[in-house]
Amino acid sequence: MSVDHIIVFQYLNIFGLFVFAISGALTALRNDMDFFGVALIAFVTGVGGGTIRDVMLGAFPVWWIRDPSAVFICLAGAIVATLAQPLLSNRLKALIWADALGMAVFAILGAQAALALQAPVVIAVFMGAITATFGGVVRDVLLNEPPLILKQDIYATAALLGAGIYMLLLYTGLDEGIAAPVSVLLTFAARAAAIVFDIPSPKFGRARRNP
């Protein structure tokens, strides 16, 4: 991986952490938590998915222990969310969009991290979805909120799609430094379309039998 690639992934990681921390902080603020609670939920949201990925892949110590700057980035997200909340007309919408941005970024970063650990492509795609969604799951469970991943609109599907697109672009020979941001944009576009147009995730239920 060249220096340019490293810089791209570093900036994506900072941005993804920051917006995921904002989504966690806004969720905590909606539950009237004090700033310590807000900062804690912001941190858990930011690092949770990547932590679960590393544990599943046996990568120890987990990534944010190797890179403690994640703590300060999440804290910055918590501070920004706390200061900005009086200006927000709808905190729920703000956190949903912040979560969408974080999900798009971490779907790609999670897949790349798995590839770097020599995981097979199908596992890398799965780990991209884990990284993108499970920080939000932990956040919602801790705050007794309905997890976004369990709602009917496209969420985990968008993360899987984005990680798959990233693998496909790499397979075609596209440079990693280009494939990553392109995949992030396409992943975010899929999630944004689901939010704006209320597109449900595909379901394959059992057909009803005629009486």
N, C-alpha and C. Protein backbone atom coordinates (compact mmCIF):
# COMPACT_ATOMS: atom_id res chain seq x y z
N MET A 1 0.85 -1.20 0.00
CA MET A 1 0.00 0.00 0.00
C MET A 1 0.89 1.24 0.00
N SER A 2 0.63 2.15 -0.93
CA SER A 2 1.46 3.34 -1.04
C SER A 2 1.07 4.36 0.01
N VAL A 3 1.89 5.41 0.12
CA VAL A 3 1.62 6.46 1.09
C VAL A 3 0.28 7.13 0.81
N ASP A 4 -0.05 7.34 -0.49
CA ASP A 4 -1.32 7.97 -0.83
C ASP A 4 -2.50 7.14 -0.33
N HIS A 5 -2.41 5.83 -0.45
CA HIS A 5 -3.47 4.97 0.03
C HIS A 5 -3.62 5.08 1.54
N ILE A 6 -2.52 5.09 2.21
CA ILE A 6 -2.55 5.19 3.67
C ILE A 6 -3.23 6.48 4.10
N ILE A 7 -2.91 7.58 3.42
CA ILE A 7 -3.52 8.87 3.76
C ILE A 7 -5.03 8.83 3.54
N VAL A 8 -5.46 8.23 2.42
CA VAL A 8 -6.89 8.13 2.13
C VAL A 8 -7.61 7.38 3.25
N PHE A 9 -7.06 6.23 3.65
CA PHE A 9 -7.71 5.43 4.69
C PHE A 9 -7.65 6.13 6.05
N GLN A 10 -6.59 6.85 6.31
CA GLN A 10 -6.51 7.59 7.57
C GLN A 10 -7.59 8.66 7.65
N TYR A 11 -7.78 9.41 6.57
CA TYR A 11 -8.80 10.45 6.58
C TYR A 11 -10.21 9.86 6.64
N LEU A 12 -10.42 8.76 5.94
CA LEU A 12 -11.72 8.10 6.01
C LEU A 12 -12.00 7.62 7.43
N ASN A 13 -10.98 7.08 8.08
CA ASN A 13 -11.15 6.60 9.44
C ASN A 13 -11.51 7.73 10.40
N ILE A 14 -10.82 8.86 10.28
CA ILE A 14 -11.11 10.01 11.14
C ILE A 14 -12.54 10.49 10.91
N PHE A 15 -12.92 10.61 9.64
CA PHE A 15 -14.26 11.10 9.33
C PHE A 15 -15.33 10.12 9.81
N GLY A 16 -15.13 8.83 9.54
CA GLY A 16 -16.10 7.83 9.97
C GLY A 16 -16.27 7.79 11.47
N LEU A 17 -15.16 7.83 12.20
CA LEU A 17 -15.22 7.86 13.66
C LEU A 17 -15.98 9.07 14.16
N PHE A 18 -15.67 10.21 13.57
CA PHE A 18 -16.26 11.48 14.01
C PHE A 18 -17.77 11.47 13.84
N VAL A 19 -18.25 11.08 12.65
CA VAL A 19 -19.70 11.11 12.42
C VAL A 19 -20.42 10.01 13.18
N PHE A 20 -19.78 8.84 13.33
CA PHE A 20 -20.39 7.79 14.15
C PHE A 20 -20.49 8.24 15.61
N ALA A 21 -19.45 8.92 16.10
CA ALA A 21 -19.49 9.43 17.48
C ALA A 21 -20.61 10.46 17.63
N ILE A 22 -20.81 11.28 16.62
CA ILE A 22 -21.91 12.26 16.66
C ILE A 22 -23.25 11.54 16.74
N SER A 23 -23.42 10.48 15.95
CA SER A 23 -24.69 9.75 16.00
C SER A 23 -24.92 9.13 17.37
N GLY A 24 -23.85 8.60 17.97
CA GLY A 24 -23.98 8.04 19.31
C GLY A 24 -24.30 9.10 20.34
N ALA A 25 -23.62 10.24 20.24
CA ALA A 25 -23.84 11.32 21.18
C ALA A 25 -25.26 11.87 21.07
N LEU A 26 -25.77 12.02 19.85
CA LEU A 26 -27.13 12.52 19.67
C LEU A 26 -28.17 11.54 20.24
N THR A 27 -27.89 10.25 20.09
CA THR A 27 -28.80 9.27 20.68
C THR A 27 -28.80 9.38 22.20
N ALA A 28 -27.61 9.54 22.78
CA ALA A 28 -27.51 9.70 24.23
C ALA A 28 -28.19 10.99 24.69
N LEU A 29 -28.04 12.06 23.94
CA LEU A 29 -28.67 13.34 24.29
C LEU A 29 -30.19 13.23 24.24
N ARG A 30 -30.70 12.45 23.30
CA ARG A 30 -32.15 12.23 23.23
C ARG A 30 -32.66 11.50 24.46
N ASN A 31 -31.75 10.79 25.13
CA ASN A 31 -32.12 10.07 26.36
C ASN A 31 -31.72 10.84 27.61
N ASP A 32 -31.40 12.14 27.44
CA ASP A 32 -31.12 13.05 28.57
C ASP A 32 -29.97 12.58 29.45
N MET A 33 -28.92 12.05 28.84
CA MET A 33 -27.74 11.62 29.61
C MET A 33 -26.83 12.81 29.89
N ASP A 34 -26.01 12.70 30.95
CA ASP A 34 -25.03 13.75 31.22
C ASP A 34 -23.86 13.60 30.25
N PHE A 35 -22.90 14.55 30.32
CA PHE A 35 -21.86 14.54 29.28
C PHE A 35 -20.98 13.30 29.35
N PHE A 36 -20.74 12.77 30.55
CA PHE A 36 -19.96 11.53 30.63
C PHE A 36 -20.65 10.41 29.88
N GLY A 37 -21.96 10.28 30.07
CA GLY A 37 -22.71 9.26 29.36
C GLY A 37 -22.71 9.50 27.86
N VAL A 38 -22.84 10.77 27.47
CA VAL A 38 -22.82 11.12 26.05
C VAL A 38 -21.48 10.73 25.42
N ALA A 39 -20.38 11.06 26.11
CA ALA A 39 -19.05 10.74 25.59
C ALA A 39 -18.84 9.23 25.52
N LEU A 40 -19.32 8.51 26.52
CA LEU A 40 -19.16 7.06 26.54
C LEU A 40 -19.91 6.41 25.38
N ILE A 41 -21.15 6.82 25.16
CA ILE A 41 -21.95 6.26 24.07
C ILE A 41 -21.34 6.64 22.73
N ALA A 42 -20.82 7.86 22.61
CA ALA A 42 -20.15 8.28 21.38
C ALA A 42 -18.96 7.37 21.08
N PHE A 43 -18.18 7.07 22.12
CA PHE A 43 -17.00 6.22 21.96
C PHE A 43 -17.40 4.79 21.57
N VAL A 44 -18.37 4.24 22.26
CA VAL A 44 -18.81 2.87 21.98
C VAL A 44 -19.34 2.76 20.54
N THR A 45 -20.07 3.78 20.12
CA THR A 45 -20.60 3.77 18.75
C THR A 45 -19.48 3.83 17.73
N GLY A 46 -18.48 4.66 18.01
CA GLY A 46 -17.39 4.82 17.06
C GLY A 46 -16.52 3.59 16.91
N VAL A 47 -16.19 2.94 18.01
CA VAL A 47 -15.21 1.84 17.95
C VAL A 47 -15.84 0.45 18.03
N GLY A 48 -17.14 0.38 18.32
CA GLY A 48 -17.75 -0.92 18.59
C GLY A 48 -17.68 -1.91 17.45
N GLY A 49 -18.02 -1.48 16.24
CA GLY A 49 -18.02 -2.39 15.11
C GLY A 49 -16.63 -2.92 14.79
N GLY A 50 -15.64 -2.03 14.80
CA GLY A 50 -14.27 -2.45 14.53
C GLY A 50 -13.72 -3.36 15.61
N THR A 51 -14.16 -3.14 16.85
CA THR A 51 -13.71 -4.00 17.95
C THR A 51 -14.24 -5.42 17.76
N ILE A 52 -15.52 -5.54 17.44
CA ILE A 52 -16.11 -6.86 17.21
C ILE A 52 -15.44 -7.54 16.02
N ARG A 53 -15.15 -6.78 14.97
CA ARG A 53 -14.44 -7.34 13.80
C ARG A 53 -13.08 -7.91 14.20
N ASP A 54 -12.31 -7.12 14.95
CA ASP A 54 -10.98 -7.57 15.34
C ASP A 54 -11.02 -8.81 16.23
N VAL A 55 -12.00 -8.84 17.14
CA VAL A 55 -12.14 -10.01 18.00
C VAL A 55 -12.46 -11.25 17.17
N MET A 56 -13.37 -11.11 16.21
CA MET A 56 -13.75 -12.24 15.37
C MET A 56 -12.60 -12.72 14.50
N LEU A 57 -11.72 -11.79 14.09
CA LEU A 57 -10.59 -12.15 13.24
C LEU A 57 -9.34 -12.48 14.05
N GLY A 58 -9.42 -12.35 15.37
CA GLY A 58 -8.27 -12.66 16.23
C GLY A 58 -7.16 -11.64 16.13
N ALA A 59 -7.50 -10.38 15.86
CA ALA A 59 -6.50 -9.31 15.75
C ALA A 59 -6.39 -8.59 17.08
N PHE A 60 -5.37 -8.92 17.85
CA PHE A 60 -5.18 -8.34 19.18
C PHE A 60 -3.82 -7.67 19.28
N PRO A 61 -3.73 -6.52 20.01
CA PRO A 61 -4.85 -5.79 20.62
C PRO A 61 -5.74 -5.18 19.54
N VAL A 62 -7.00 -4.92 19.88
CA VAL A 62 -7.94 -4.38 18.90
C VAL A 62 -7.48 -3.00 18.45
N TRP A 63 -8.04 -2.54 17.35
CA TRP A 63 -7.47 -1.42 16.60
C TRP A 63 -7.35 -0.13 17.38
N TRP A 64 -8.34 0.20 18.22
CA TRP A 64 -8.29 1.50 18.90
C TRP A 64 -7.31 1.48 20.07
N ILE A 65 -6.90 0.32 20.53
CA ILE A 65 -5.83 0.25 21.53
C ILE A 65 -4.49 0.51 20.86
N ARG A 66 -4.35 0.03 19.63
CA ARG A 66 -3.14 0.33 18.86
C ARG A 66 -3.10 1.78 18.41
N ASP A 67 -4.27 2.40 18.26
CA ASP A 67 -4.36 3.79 17.80
C ASP A 67 -5.28 4.57 18.73
N PRO A 68 -4.76 5.00 19.90
CA PRO A 68 -5.61 5.66 20.90
C PRO A 68 -6.13 7.02 20.48
N SER A 69 -5.71 7.53 19.31
CA SER A 69 -6.28 8.80 18.83
C SER A 69 -7.79 8.66 18.61
N ALA A 70 -8.28 7.41 18.47
CA ALA A 70 -9.72 7.19 18.31
C ALA A 70 -10.50 7.74 19.48
N VAL A 71 -9.91 7.66 20.68
CA VAL A 71 -10.59 8.17 21.88
C VAL A 71 -10.85 9.66 21.74
N PHE A 72 -9.87 10.40 21.27
CA PHE A 72 -10.00 11.86 21.17
C PHE A 72 -10.91 12.26 20.03
N ILE A 73 -10.91 11.49 18.95
CA ILE A 73 -11.82 11.79 17.84
C ILE A 73 -13.27 11.59 18.28
N CYS A 74 -13.52 10.52 19.01
CA CYS A 74 -14.88 10.28 19.51
C CYS A 74 -15.29 11.35 20.51
N LEU A 75 -14.36 11.77 21.35
CA LEU A 75 -14.65 12.84 22.30
C LEU A 75 -14.99 14.13 21.58
N ALA A 76 -14.26 14.42 20.50
CA ALA A 76 -14.55 15.61 19.70
C ALA A 76 -15.96 15.53 19.11
N GLY A 77 -16.35 14.34 18.64
CA GLY A 77 -17.70 14.17 18.11
C GLY A 77 -18.75 14.40 19.16
N ALA A 78 -18.49 13.92 20.38
CA ALA A 78 -19.44 14.13 21.48
C ALA A 78 -19.58 15.61 21.82
N ILE A 79 -18.47 16.33 21.82
CA ILE A 79 -18.50 17.77 22.13
C ILE A 79 -19.27 18.52 21.06
N VAL A 80 -18.98 18.22 19.78
CA VAL A 80 -19.67 18.90 18.68
C VAL A 80 -21.17 18.64 18.74
N ALA A 81 -21.56 17.39 18.97
CA ALA A 81 -22.98 17.06 19.05
C ALA A 81 -23.66 17.79 20.19
N THR A 82 -22.98 17.87 21.33
CA THR A 82 -23.57 18.53 22.50
C THR A 82 -23.75 20.03 22.25
N LEU A 83 -22.75 20.65 21.63
CA LEU A 83 -22.83 22.09 21.36
C LEU A 83 -23.82 22.40 20.25
N ALA A 84 -23.97 21.47 19.29
CA ALA A 84 -24.82 21.74 18.12
C ALA A 84 -26.28 21.39 18.35
N GLN A 85 -26.57 20.58 19.37
CA GLN A 85 -27.95 20.09 19.52
C GLN A 85 -29.00 21.19 19.65
N PRO A 86 -28.70 22.35 20.29
CA PRO A 86 -29.74 23.38 20.34
C PRO A 86 -30.09 23.95 18.96
N LEU A 87 -29.19 23.78 17.99
CA LEU A 87 -29.42 24.31 16.65
C LEU A 87 -30.15 23.32 15.75
N LEU A 88 -30.32 22.09 16.22
CA LEU A 88 -30.92 21.06 15.39
C LEU A 88 -32.43 21.05 15.58
N SER A 89 -33.15 21.09 14.46
CA SER A 89 -34.61 21.06 14.54
C SER A 89 -35.12 19.66 14.84
N ASN A 90 -34.34 18.65 14.47
CA ASN A 90 -34.76 17.26 14.69
C ASN A 90 -33.52 16.41 14.95
N ARG A 91 -33.29 16.06 16.21
CA ARG A 91 -32.09 15.29 16.56
C ARG A 91 -32.13 13.88 15.98
N LEU A 92 -33.33 13.32 15.85
CA LEU A 92 -33.45 11.98 15.31
C LEU A 92 -32.98 11.94 13.85
N LYS A 93 -33.42 12.92 13.05
CA LYS A 93 -32.98 12.96 11.66
C LYS A 93 -31.48 13.19 11.56
N ALA A 94 -30.96 14.06 12.42
CA ALA A 94 -29.53 14.34 12.40
C ALA A 94 -28.72 13.09 12.71
N LEU A 95 -29.15 12.32 13.71
CA LEU A 95 -28.38 11.13 14.07
C LEU A 95 -28.51 10.05 12.99
N ILE A 96 -29.66 9.96 12.33
CA ILE A 96 -29.84 8.99 11.26
C ILE A 96 -28.89 9.28 10.11
N TRP A 97 -28.74 10.58 9.76
CA TRP A 97 -27.84 10.93 8.66
C TRP A 97 -26.38 10.78 9.07
N ALA A 98 -26.05 11.12 10.31
CA ALA A 98 -24.68 10.91 10.79
C ALA A 98 -24.36 9.41 10.79
N ASP A 99 -25.30 8.60 11.22
CA ASP A 99 -25.12 7.15 11.22
C ASP A 99 -24.93 6.63 9.80
N ALA A 100 -25.68 7.19 8.85
CA ALA A 100 -25.55 6.75 7.45
C ALA A 100 -24.15 7.03 6.91
N LEU A 101 -23.61 8.19 7.24
CA LEU A 101 -22.25 8.52 6.80
C LEU A 101 -21.23 7.58 7.43
N GLY A 102 -21.35 7.36 8.74
CA GLY A 102 -20.42 6.47 9.42
C GLY A 102 -20.52 5.05 8.89
N MET A 103 -21.73 4.59 8.66
CA MET A 103 -21.94 3.24 8.13
C MET A 103 -21.26 3.07 6.77
N ALA A 104 -21.41 4.07 5.90
CA ALA A 104 -20.81 3.99 4.56
C ALA A 104 -19.29 3.91 4.62
N VAL A 105 -18.70 4.70 5.50
CA VAL A 105 -17.24 4.71 5.62
C VAL A 105 -16.73 3.40 6.20
N PHE A 106 -17.36 2.94 7.27
CA PHE A 106 -16.82 1.77 7.96
C PHE A 106 -17.12 0.45 7.25
N ALA A 107 -18.10 0.44 6.35
CA ALA A 107 -18.29 -0.75 5.52
C ALA A 107 -17.05 -1.01 4.68
N ILE A 108 -16.46 0.06 4.17
CA ILE A 108 -15.27 -0.08 3.33
C ILE A 108 -14.03 -0.30 4.17
N LEU A 109 -13.89 0.47 5.24
CA LEU A 109 -12.71 0.32 6.10
C LEU A 109 -12.68 -1.06 6.75
N GLY A 110 -13.84 -1.58 7.13
CA GLY A 110 -13.89 -2.90 7.73
C GLY A 110 -13.47 -3.98 6.75
N ALA A 111 -13.94 -3.86 5.50
CA ALA A 111 -13.55 -4.83 4.49
C ALA A 111 -12.05 -4.76 4.21
N GLN A 112 -11.51 -3.55 4.14
CA GLN A 112 -10.08 -3.38 3.90
C GLN A 112 -9.25 -3.95 5.06
N ALA A 113 -9.71 -3.72 6.29
CA ALA A 113 -8.99 -4.25 7.45
C ALA A 113 -8.96 -5.77 7.42
N ALA A 114 -10.07 -6.38 7.02
CA ALA A 114 -10.12 -7.84 6.93
C ALA A 114 -9.18 -8.35 5.85
N LEU A 115 -9.15 -7.67 4.71
CA LEU A 115 -8.23 -8.05 3.64
C LEU A 115 -6.78 -7.97 4.12
N ALA A 116 -6.47 -6.92 4.87
CA ALA A 116 -5.11 -6.76 5.38
C ALA A 116 -4.71 -7.89 6.31
N LEU A 117 -5.70 -8.55 6.91
CA LEU A 117 -5.44 -9.69 7.80
C LEU A 117 -5.55 -11.02 7.05
N GLN A 118 -5.53 -10.93 5.71
CA GLN A 118 -5.54 -12.12 4.84
C GLN A 118 -6.86 -12.89 4.89
N ALA A 119 -7.94 -12.21 5.19
CA ALA A 119 -9.25 -12.87 5.19
C ALA A 119 -9.71 -13.09 3.75
N PRO A 120 -10.43 -14.18 3.47
CA PRO A 120 -11.01 -14.38 2.14
C PRO A 120 -11.98 -13.25 1.79
N VAL A 121 -12.23 -13.09 0.51
CA VAL A 121 -13.07 -11.98 0.04
C VAL A 121 -14.45 -12.01 0.68
N VAL A 122 -15.09 -13.18 0.72
CA VAL A 122 -16.45 -13.25 1.27
C VAL A 122 -16.45 -12.87 2.75
N ILE A 123 -15.40 -13.25 3.47
CA ILE A 123 -15.30 -12.88 4.89
C ILE A 123 -15.04 -11.38 5.01
N ALA A 124 -14.25 -10.83 4.11
CA ALA A 124 -13.97 -9.39 4.13
C ALA A 124 -15.26 -8.58 3.93
N VAL A 125 -16.12 -9.03 3.03
CA VAL A 125 -17.40 -8.35 2.81
C VAL A 125 -18.25 -8.42 4.08
N PHE A 126 -18.31 -9.60 4.68
CA PHE A 126 -19.08 -9.77 5.91
C PHE A 126 -18.52 -8.90 7.03
N MET A 127 -17.20 -8.83 7.15
CA MET A 127 -16.58 -8.02 8.19
C MET A 127 -16.79 -6.53 7.94
N GLY A 128 -16.92 -6.15 6.67
CA GLY A 128 -17.27 -4.77 6.37
C GLY A 128 -18.63 -4.41 6.93
N ALA A 129 -19.60 -5.33 6.76
CA ALA A 129 -20.93 -5.09 7.29
C ALA A 129 -20.94 -5.09 8.82
N ILE A 130 -20.17 -5.98 9.43
CA ILE A 130 -20.06 -6.02 10.89
C ILE A 130 -19.50 -4.70 11.41
N THR A 131 -18.43 -4.24 10.79
CA THR A 131 -17.78 -2.99 11.23
C THR A 131 -18.73 -1.81 11.09
N ALA A 132 -19.52 -1.82 10.02
CA ALA A 132 -20.39 -0.70 9.72
C ALA A 132 -21.63 -0.63 10.60
N THR A 133 -22.08 -1.76 11.11
CA THR A 133 -23.40 -1.79 11.76
C THR A 133 -23.37 -2.07 13.26
N PHE A 134 -22.36 -2.77 13.75
CA PHE A 134 -22.46 -3.26 15.12
C PHE A 134 -22.13 -2.20 16.17
N GLY A 135 -21.42 -1.13 15.80
CA GLY A 135 -21.27 -0.03 16.74
C GLY A 135 -22.63 0.59 17.04
N GLY A 136 -23.45 0.75 15.99
CA GLY A 136 -24.79 1.27 16.17
C GLY A 136 -25.69 0.31 16.94
N VAL A 137 -25.49 -0.99 16.74
CA VAL A 137 -26.28 -1.97 17.48
C VAL A 137 -25.98 -1.87 18.98
N VAL A 138 -24.68 -1.80 19.32
CA VAL A 138 -24.30 -1.68 20.73
C VAL A 138 -24.87 -0.39 21.32
N ARG A 139 -24.77 0.70 20.57
CA ARG A 139 -25.33 1.98 21.02
C ARG A 139 -26.81 1.87 21.33
N ASP A 140 -27.57 1.30 20.39
CA ASP A 140 -29.01 1.23 20.55
C ASP A 140 -29.41 0.28 21.68
N VAL A 141 -28.70 -0.83 21.82
CA VAL A 141 -29.00 -1.77 22.90
C VAL A 141 -28.74 -1.14 24.27
N LEU A 142 -27.62 -0.44 24.39
CA LEU A 142 -27.29 0.20 25.67
C LEU A 142 -28.32 1.25 26.06
N LEU A 143 -28.90 1.92 25.07
CA LEU A 143 -29.86 2.98 25.34
C LEU A 143 -31.30 2.51 25.19
N ASN A 144 -31.49 1.21 25.02
CA ASN A 144 -32.84 0.64 24.91
C ASN A 144 -33.62 1.27 23.76
N GLU A 145 -32.91 1.51 22.65
CA GLU A 145 -33.53 2.04 21.45
C GLU A 145 -33.73 0.90 20.46
N PRO A 146 -34.74 0.98 19.58
CA PRO A 146 -34.87 -0.04 18.53
C PRO A 146 -33.67 0.02 17.60
N PRO A 147 -32.89 -1.05 17.46
CA PRO A 147 -31.70 -1.01 16.61
C PRO A 147 -32.05 -0.71 15.16
N LEU A 148 -31.29 0.21 14.55
CA LEU A 148 -31.53 0.56 13.15
C LEU A 148 -31.38 -0.65 12.24
N ILE A 149 -30.49 -1.56 12.60
CA ILE A 149 -30.22 -2.72 11.75
C ILE A 149 -31.44 -3.64 11.65
N LEU A 150 -32.36 -3.55 12.63
CA LEU A 150 -33.53 -4.42 12.65
C LEU A 150 -34.75 -3.76 12.02
N LYS A 151 -34.63 -2.52 11.60
CA LYS A 151 -35.75 -1.85 10.96
C LYS A 151 -35.86 -2.30 9.51
N GLN A 152 -36.97 -1.97 8.86
CA GLN A 152 -37.26 -2.56 7.56
C GLN A 152 -36.58 -1.86 6.40
N ASP A 153 -36.06 -0.63 6.59
CA ASP A 153 -35.42 0.02 5.46
C ASP A 153 -34.01 -0.53 5.27
N ILE A 154 -33.40 -0.20 4.13
CA ILE A 154 -32.10 -0.76 3.77
C ILE A 154 -31.03 -0.17 4.68
N TYR A 155 -30.35 -1.03 5.44
CA TYR A 155 -29.28 -0.60 6.35
C TYR A 155 -28.10 -1.56 6.24
N ALA A 156 -28.23 -2.74 6.85
CA ALA A 156 -27.16 -3.73 6.72
C ALA A 156 -26.97 -4.13 5.27
N THR A 157 -28.05 -4.14 4.49
CA THR A 157 -27.96 -4.47 3.08
C THR A 157 -27.06 -3.48 2.35
N ALA A 158 -27.17 -2.19 2.71
CA ALA A 158 -26.32 -1.17 2.09
C ALA A 158 -24.86 -1.39 2.45
N ALA A 159 -24.60 -1.80 3.71
CA ALA A 159 -23.22 -2.06 4.12
C ALA A 159 -22.64 -3.24 3.36
N LEU A 160 -23.40 -4.31 3.22
CA LEU A 160 -22.95 -5.47 2.44
C LEU A 160 -22.71 -5.09 0.98
N LEU A 161 -23.63 -4.31 0.44
CA LEU A 161 -23.50 -3.86 -0.95
C LEU A 161 -22.23 -3.04 -1.14
N GLY A 162 -21.98 -2.10 -0.21
CA GLY A 162 -20.81 -1.25 -0.33
C GLY A 162 -19.51 -2.03 -0.24
N ALA A 163 -19.45 -2.96 0.71
CA ALA A 163 -18.24 -3.78 0.84
C ALA A 163 -18.05 -4.65 -0.39
N GLY A 164 -19.16 -5.16 -0.94
CA GLY A 164 -19.07 -5.96 -2.16
C GLY A 164 -18.60 -5.15 -3.35
N ILE A 165 -19.11 -3.91 -3.47
CA ILE A 165 -18.67 -3.03 -4.55
C ILE A 165 -17.17 -2.74 -4.43
N TYR A 166 -16.71 -2.53 -3.21
CA TYR A 166 -15.28 -2.27 -3.00
C TYR A 166 -14.45 -3.45 -3.48
N MET A 167 -14.86 -4.67 -3.14
CA MET A 167 -14.14 -5.86 -3.59
C MET A 167 -14.14 -5.96 -5.10
N LEU A 168 -15.29 -5.65 -5.70
CA LEU A 168 -15.41 -5.72 -7.16
C LEU A 168 -14.48 -4.71 -7.83
N LEU A 169 -14.44 -3.50 -7.29
CA LEU A 169 -13.56 -2.48 -7.88
C LEU A 169 -12.09 -2.87 -7.75
N LEU A 170 -11.73 -3.46 -6.62
CA LEU A 170 -10.35 -3.93 -6.47
C LEU A 170 -10.06 -5.06 -7.46
N TYR A 171 -11.03 -5.92 -7.69
CA TYR A 171 -10.85 -7.05 -8.61
C TYR A 171 -10.62 -6.54 -10.04
N THR A 172 -11.26 -5.43 -10.38
CA THR A 172 -11.07 -4.87 -11.73
C THR A 172 -9.73 -4.17 -11.88
N GLY A 173 -8.99 -4.03 -10.77
CA GLY A 173 -7.67 -3.41 -10.84
C GLY A 173 -7.66 -1.93 -10.49
N LEU A 174 -8.80 -1.40 -10.06
CA LEU A 174 -8.84 0.02 -9.70
C LEU A 174 -7.98 0.26 -8.47
N ASP A 175 -7.29 1.39 -8.44
CA ASP A 175 -6.43 1.75 -7.33
C ASP A 175 -7.23 1.84 -6.03
N GLU A 176 -6.63 1.32 -4.95
CA GLU A 176 -7.32 1.32 -3.66
C GLU A 176 -7.70 2.72 -3.21
N GLY A 177 -6.82 3.68 -3.48
CA GLY A 177 -7.08 5.06 -3.07
C GLY A 177 -8.27 5.68 -3.78
N ILE A 178 -8.65 5.11 -4.93
CA ILE A 178 -9.83 5.57 -5.66
C ILE A 178 -11.02 4.69 -5.34
N ALA A 179 -10.79 3.38 -5.26
CA ALA A 179 -11.88 2.43 -5.01
C ALA A 179 -12.56 2.70 -3.68
N ALA A 180 -11.79 3.05 -2.66
CA ALA A 180 -12.37 3.24 -1.33
C ALA A 180 -13.36 4.41 -1.29
N PRO A 181 -12.95 5.64 -1.67
CA PRO A 181 -13.93 6.74 -1.61
C PRO A 181 -15.11 6.56 -2.56
N VAL A 182 -14.88 5.95 -3.73
CA VAL A 182 -15.99 5.69 -4.65
C VAL A 182 -16.99 4.74 -4.00
N SER A 183 -16.49 3.70 -3.36
CA SER A 183 -17.37 2.74 -2.69
C SER A 183 -18.12 3.38 -1.53
N VAL A 184 -17.45 4.26 -0.80
CA VAL A 184 -18.11 4.98 0.29
C VAL A 184 -19.28 5.80 -0.25
N LEU A 185 -19.05 6.52 -1.34
CA LEU A 185 -20.11 7.35 -1.91
C LEU A 185 -21.29 6.50 -2.38
N LEU A 186 -21.01 5.36 -3.01
CA LEU A 186 -22.09 4.51 -3.49
C LEU A 186 -22.86 3.88 -2.33
N THR A 187 -22.14 3.51 -1.27
CA THR A 187 -22.80 2.95 -0.09
C THR A 187 -23.70 3.99 0.57
N PHE A 188 -23.18 5.20 0.71
CA PHE A 188 -23.98 6.28 1.30
C PHE A 188 -25.19 6.58 0.42
N ALA A 189 -25.01 6.55 -0.91
CA ALA A 189 -26.13 6.82 -1.82
C ALA A 189 -27.24 5.79 -1.63
N ALA A 190 -26.86 4.52 -1.45
CA ALA A 190 -27.87 3.48 -1.23
C ALA A 190 -28.62 3.72 0.07
N ARG A 191 -27.89 4.05 1.12
CA ARG A 191 -28.54 4.30 2.42
C ARG A 191 -29.38 5.58 2.36
N ALA A 192 -28.87 6.61 1.70
CA ALA A 192 -29.61 7.87 1.59
C ALA A 192 -30.91 7.68 0.83
N ALA A 193 -30.87 6.88 -0.23
CA ALA A 193 -32.08 6.61 -1.00
C ALA A 193 -33.11 5.89 -0.13
N ALA A 194 -32.64 4.96 0.70
CA ALA A 194 -33.56 4.25 1.60
C ALA A 194 -34.20 5.19 2.60
N ILE A 195 -33.41 6.17 3.10
CA ILE A 195 -33.94 7.13 4.06
C ILE A 195 -34.96 8.07 3.41
N VAL A 196 -34.58 8.63 2.27
CA VAL A 196 -35.40 9.66 1.63
C VAL A 196 -36.68 9.06 1.05
N PHE A 197 -36.55 7.91 0.39
CA PHE A 197 -37.70 7.32 -0.31
C PHE A 197 -38.34 6.17 0.47
N ASP A 198 -37.85 5.94 1.70
CA ASP A 198 -38.41 4.90 2.56
C ASP A 198 -38.46 3.55 1.84
N ILE A 199 -37.30 3.18 1.27
CA ILE A 199 -37.20 1.93 0.53
C ILE A 199 -36.99 0.78 1.51
N PRO A 200 -37.86 -0.20 1.51
CA PRO A 200 -37.71 -1.31 2.46
C PRO A 200 -36.63 -2.28 2.03
N SER A 201 -36.04 -2.94 3.01
CA SER A 201 -35.09 -4.00 2.70
C SER A 201 -35.85 -5.19 2.16
N PRO A 202 -35.29 -5.90 1.17
CA PRO A 202 -36.01 -7.05 0.59
C PRO A 202 -36.27 -8.13 1.64
N LYS A 203 -37.47 -8.67 1.61
CA LYS A 203 -37.85 -9.74 2.53
C LYS A 203 -38.28 -10.96 1.73
N PHE A 204 -37.96 -12.10 2.27
CA PHE A 204 -38.30 -13.34 1.58
C PHE A 204 -39.10 -14.22 2.54
N GLY A 205 -40.29 -13.74 2.86
CA GLY A 205 -41.13 -14.48 3.79
C GLY A 205 -41.78 -15.69 3.14
N ARG A 206 -42.31 -16.55 3.97
CA ARG A 206 -42.97 -17.75 3.49
C ARG A 206 -44.33 -17.39 2.92
N ALA A 207 -44.59 -17.87 1.75
CA ALA A 207 -45.87 -17.55 1.11
C ALA A 207 -47.01 -18.17 1.88
N ARG A 208 -48.13 -17.45 1.90
CA ARG A 208 -49.31 -17.96 2.59
C ARG A 208 -49.95 -19.08 1.77
N ARG A 209 -50.45 -20.06 2.47
CA ARG A 209 -51.17 -21.13 1.79
C ARG A 209 -52.64 -20.75 1.66
N ASN A 210 -53.19 -21.14 0.55
CA ASN A 210 -54.62 -20.90 0.38
C ASN A 210 -55.40 -21.85 1.28
N PRO A 211 -56.48 -21.39 1.88
CA PRO A 211 -57.28 -22.27 2.74
C PRO A 211 -57.94 -23.38 1.94
